[in-house]
Amino acid sequence: MYTIRKQFTFSASHQLLNMPDTHQCYRLHGHNYIVEVELQAEALNRYGFVRDYHDLDDLKKYIDDTLDHRHLNEVFGHDDTTAEFMSKFLYDWAKEKWPEVCAMRISETPKTWAEYRP
């Protein structure tokens, strides 16, 4: 199995309004997010790739146009804008475009990652 990954970054704010109001994540705060998409294939395409990295520019455009420097509660329209939620959301978005997508990871801090992998 061949595996490739590509990272993207964005900055955004959110609040986890389902948390107790004493929890630090309840308060308005922001992160410098890292998004990592993973793709796999058993065979390489005619160019020797799982997928050309340039094909993934649509994900960068979506992140830049929709998520970057936004308030994620407003973007998604609800109160549980967790990294876990976003990893599944972006996985579904990417999987529709590229069948090789097998996982999506989101980091809010250098030491934390949430991953969606069916």
C-alpha atoms as a PDB file:
ATOM      1  CA  MET A   1       0.000   0.000   0.000  1.00  0.00           C
ATOM      2  CA  TYR A   2       1.273   3.453  -0.924  1.00  0.00           C
ATOM      3  CA  THR A   3       0.530   6.367   1.390  1.00  0.00           C
ATOM      4  CA  ILE A   4       0.949  10.103   0.906  1.00  0.00           C
ATOM      5  CA  ARG A   5       0.110  13.009   3.200  1.00  0.00           C
ATOM      6  CA  LYS A   6      -0.125  16.741   2.751  1.00  0.00           C
ATOM      7  CA  GLN A   7      -0.471  19.457   5.376  1.00  0.00           C
ATOM      8  CA  PHE A   8      -2.337  22.736   5.273  1.00  0.00           C
ATOM      9  CA  THR A   9      -2.646  25.470   7.896  1.00  0.00           C
ATOM     10  CA  PHE A  10      -5.197  28.025   8.943  1.00  0.00           C
ATOM     11  CA  SER A  11      -5.968  30.263  11.906  1.00  0.00           C
ATOM     12  CA  ALA A  12      -9.448  30.560  13.355  1.00  0.00           C
ATOM     13  CA  SER A  13     -11.432  31.147  16.526  1.00  0.00           C
ATOM     14  CA  HIS A  14     -14.091  29.014  18.166  1.00  0.00           C
ATOM     15  CA  GLN A  15     -15.904  28.351  21.415  1.00  0.00           C
ATOM     16  CA  LEU A  16     -17.002  24.976  22.729  1.00  0.00           C
ATOM     17  CA  LEU A  17     -20.335  26.170  24.058  1.00  0.00           C
ATOM     18  CA  ASN A  18     -21.467  22.683  25.115  1.00  0.00           C
ATOM     19  CA  MET A  19     -18.731  22.671  27.763  1.00  0.00           C
ATOM     20  CA  PRO A  20     -19.344  24.037  31.278  1.00  0.00           C
ATOM     21  CA  ASP A  21     -18.851  27.804  31.318  1.00  0.00           C
ATOM     22  CA  THR A  22     -15.939  27.277  33.726  1.00  0.00           C
ATOM     23  CA  HIS A  23     -13.981  25.253  31.124  1.00  0.00           C
ATOM     24  CA  GLN A  24     -11.238  27.162  29.297  1.00  0.00           C
ATOM     25  CA  CYS A  25     -12.520  25.997  25.898  1.00  0.00           C
ATOM     26  CA  TYR A  26     -15.920  27.532  26.593  1.00  0.00           C
ATOM     27  CA  ARG A  27     -14.339  30.962  26.273  1.00  0.00           C
ATOM     28  CA  LEU A  28     -13.702  32.504  22.877  1.00  0.00           C
ATOM     29  CA  HIS A  29     -10.205  31.476  21.782  1.00  0.00           C
ATOM     30  CA  GLY A  30      -8.218  30.681  18.664  1.00  0.00           C
ATOM     31  CA  HIS A  31      -5.766  28.201  17.247  1.00  0.00           C
ATOM     32  CA  ASN A  32      -3.223  27.915  14.472  1.00  0.00           C
ATOM     33  CA  TYR A  33      -4.610  24.702  13.012  1.00  0.00           C
ATOM     34  CA  ILE A  34      -2.721  22.111  10.996  1.00  0.00           C
ATOM     35  CA  VAL A  35      -4.789  19.932   8.673  1.00  0.00           C
ATOM     36  CA  GLU A  36      -3.230  16.751   7.325  1.00  0.00           C
ATOM     37  CA  VAL A  37      -4.928  14.707   4.633  1.00  0.00           C
ATOM     38  CA  GLU A  38      -3.791  11.122   4.021  1.00  0.00           C
ATOM     39  CA  LEU A  39      -4.358   9.204   0.792  1.00  0.00           C
ATOM     40  CA  GLN A  40      -3.637   5.557  -0.019  1.00  0.00           C
ATOM     41  CA  ALA A  41      -3.598   3.357  -3.090  1.00  0.00           C
ATOM     42  CA  GLU A  42      -2.550  -0.206  -3.764  1.00  0.00           C
ATOM     43  CA  ALA A  43      -1.151   0.805  -7.147  1.00  0.00           C
ATOM     44  CA  LEU A  44       0.338   3.997  -8.493  1.00  0.00           C
ATOM     45  CA  ASN A  45      -1.293   5.920 -11.332  1.00  0.00           C
ATOM     46  CA  ARG A  46       0.288   6.260 -14.770  1.00  0.00           C
ATOM     47  CA  TYR A  47       2.506   9.076 -13.482  1.00  0.00           C
ATOM     48  CA  GLY A  48       3.831   7.058 -10.553  1.00  0.00           C
ATOM     49  CA  PHE A  49       1.692   8.859  -7.955  1.00  0.00           C
ATOM     50  CA  VAL A  50      -0.995   7.901  -5.476  1.00  0.00           C
ATOM     51  CA  ARG A  51      -2.382  11.335  -6.389  1.00  0.00           C
ATOM     52  CA  ASP A  52      -0.592  14.426  -7.701  1.00  0.00           C
ATOM     53  CA  TYR A  53      -0.113  16.799  -4.757  1.00  0.00           C
ATOM     54  CA  HIS A  54      -1.286  19.660  -6.977  1.00  0.00           C
ATOM     55  CA  ASP A  55      -4.695  17.968  -7.202  1.00  0.00           C
ATOM     56  CA  LEU A  56      -5.106  18.763  -3.508  1.00  0.00           C
ATOM     57  CA  ASP A  57      -5.009  22.519  -4.157  1.00  0.00           C
ATOM     58  CA  ASP A  58      -8.832  22.482  -3.973  1.00  0.00           C
ATOM     59  CA  LEU A  59      -8.554  21.553  -0.294  1.00  0.00           C
ATOM     60  CA  LYS A  60      -6.180  24.461   0.306  1.00  0.00           C
ATOM     61  CA  LYS A  61      -8.582  26.803  -1.480  1.00  0.00           C
ATOM     62  CA  TYR A  62     -11.529  25.523   0.583  1.00  0.00           C
ATOM     63  CA  ILE A  63      -9.601  25.956   3.828  1.00  0.00           C
ATOM     64  CA  ASP A  64      -8.373  29.430   2.862  1.00  0.00           C
ATOM     65  CA  ASP A  65     -11.757  30.645   1.615  1.00  0.00           C
ATOM     66  CA  THR A  66     -14.011  29.035   4.227  1.00  0.00           C
ATOM     67  CA  LEU A  67     -12.079  28.463   7.459  1.00  0.00           C
ATOM     68  CA  ASP A  68      -9.057  30.751   7.630  1.00  0.00           C
ATOM     69  CA  HIS A  69      -9.468  33.757   9.948  1.00  0.00           C
ATOM     70  CA  ARG A  70     -13.115  32.889  10.635  1.00  0.00           C
ATOM     71  CA  HIS A  71     -15.142  32.097  13.735  1.00  0.00           C
ATOM     72  CA  LEU A  72     -15.772  28.367  13.296  1.00  0.00           C
ATOM     73  CA  ASN A  73     -19.017  28.347  15.271  1.00  0.00           C
ATOM     74  CA  GLU A  74     -20.444  30.662  12.608  1.00  0.00           C
ATOM     75  CA  VAL A  75     -18.931  28.679   9.712  1.00  0.00           C
ATOM     76  CA  PHE A  76     -20.388  25.369  10.880  1.00  0.00           C
ATOM     77  CA  GLY A  77     -23.481  26.794  12.543  1.00  0.00           C
ATOM     78  CA  HIS A  78     -23.241  24.922  15.841  1.00  0.00           C
ATOM     79  CA  ASP A  79     -21.507  24.734  19.203  1.00  0.00           C
ATOM     80  CA  ASP A  80     -19.278  21.657  18.944  1.00  0.00           C
ATOM     81  CA  THR A  81     -16.539  22.844  16.592  1.00  0.00           C
ATOM     82  CA  THR A  82     -14.012  20.390  17.996  1.00  0.00           C
ATOM     83  CA  ALA A  83     -10.979  19.109  16.135  1.00  0.00           C
ATOM     84  CA  GLU A  84     -12.727  15.729  16.068  1.00  0.00           C
ATOM     85  CA  PHE A  85     -15.763  17.246  14.360  1.00  0.00           C
ATOM     86  CA  MET A  86     -13.629  19.122  11.845  1.00  0.00           C
ATOM     87  CA  SER A  87     -11.524  16.067  11.002  1.00  0.00           C
ATOM     88  CA  LYS A  88     -14.689  14.154  10.020  1.00  0.00           C
ATOM     89  CA  PHE A  89     -16.163  17.144   8.194  1.00  0.00           C
ATOM     90  CA  LEU A  90     -13.007  17.695   6.123  1.00  0.00           C
ATOM     91  CA  TYR A  91     -12.620  13.950   5.546  1.00  0.00           C
ATOM     92  CA  ASP A  92     -16.120  13.812   4.039  1.00  0.00           C
ATOM     93  CA  TRP A  93     -15.445  16.912   1.932  1.00  0.00           C
ATOM     94  CA  ALA A  94     -12.179  15.510   0.566  1.00  0.00           C
ATOM     95  CA  LYS A  95     -13.411  11.929   0.088  1.00  0.00           C
ATOM     96  CA  GLU A  96     -16.053  13.170  -2.360  1.00  0.00           C
ATOM     97  CA  LYS A  97     -13.287  14.613  -4.535  1.00  0.00           C
ATOM     98  CA  TRP A  98     -10.550  12.016  -4.165  1.00  0.00           C
ATOM     99  CA  PRO A  99     -11.409   8.364  -3.538  1.00  0.00           C
ATOM    100  CA  GLU A 100      -7.880   7.686  -2.251  1.00  0.00           C
ATOM    101  CA  VAL A 101      -8.512   9.758   0.896  1.00  0.00           C
ATOM    102  CA  CYS A 102      -8.283   7.449   3.918  1.00  0.00           C
ATOM    103  CA  ALA A 103      -7.808   9.804   6.888  1.00  0.00           C
ATOM    104  CA  MET A 104      -7.896  13.407   8.003  1.00  0.00           C
ATOM    105  CA  ARG A 105      -6.016  14.834  10.998  1.00  0.00           C
ATOM    106  CA  ILE A 106      -6.410  18.202  12.699  1.00  0.00           C
ATOM    107  CA  SER A 107      -4.000  19.739  15.199  1.00  0.00           C
ATOM    108  CA  GLU A 108      -4.932  22.655  17.437  1.00  0.00           C
ATOM    109  CA  THR A 109      -1.626  22.734  19.298  1.00  0.00           C
ATOM    110  CA  PRO A 110       1.829  21.258  18.642  1.00  0.00           C
ATOM    111  CA  LYS A 111       1.076  18.380  21.019  1.00  0.00           C
ATOM    112  CA  THR A 112      -2.535  17.494  20.123  1.00  0.00           C
ATOM    113  CA  TRP A 113      -4.104  15.775  17.122  1.00  0.00           C
ATOM    114  CA  ALA A 114      -7.588  14.509  16.306  1.00  0.00           C
ATOM    115  CA  GLU A 115      -7.969  12.027  13.475  1.00  0.00           C
ATOM    116  CA  TYR A 116     -10.906  10.650  11.523  1.00  0.00           C
ATOM    117  CA  ARG A 117     -10.217   7.338   9.793  1.00  0.00           C
ATOM    118  CA  PRO A 118     -13.169   5.118   8.871  1.00  0.00           C
END
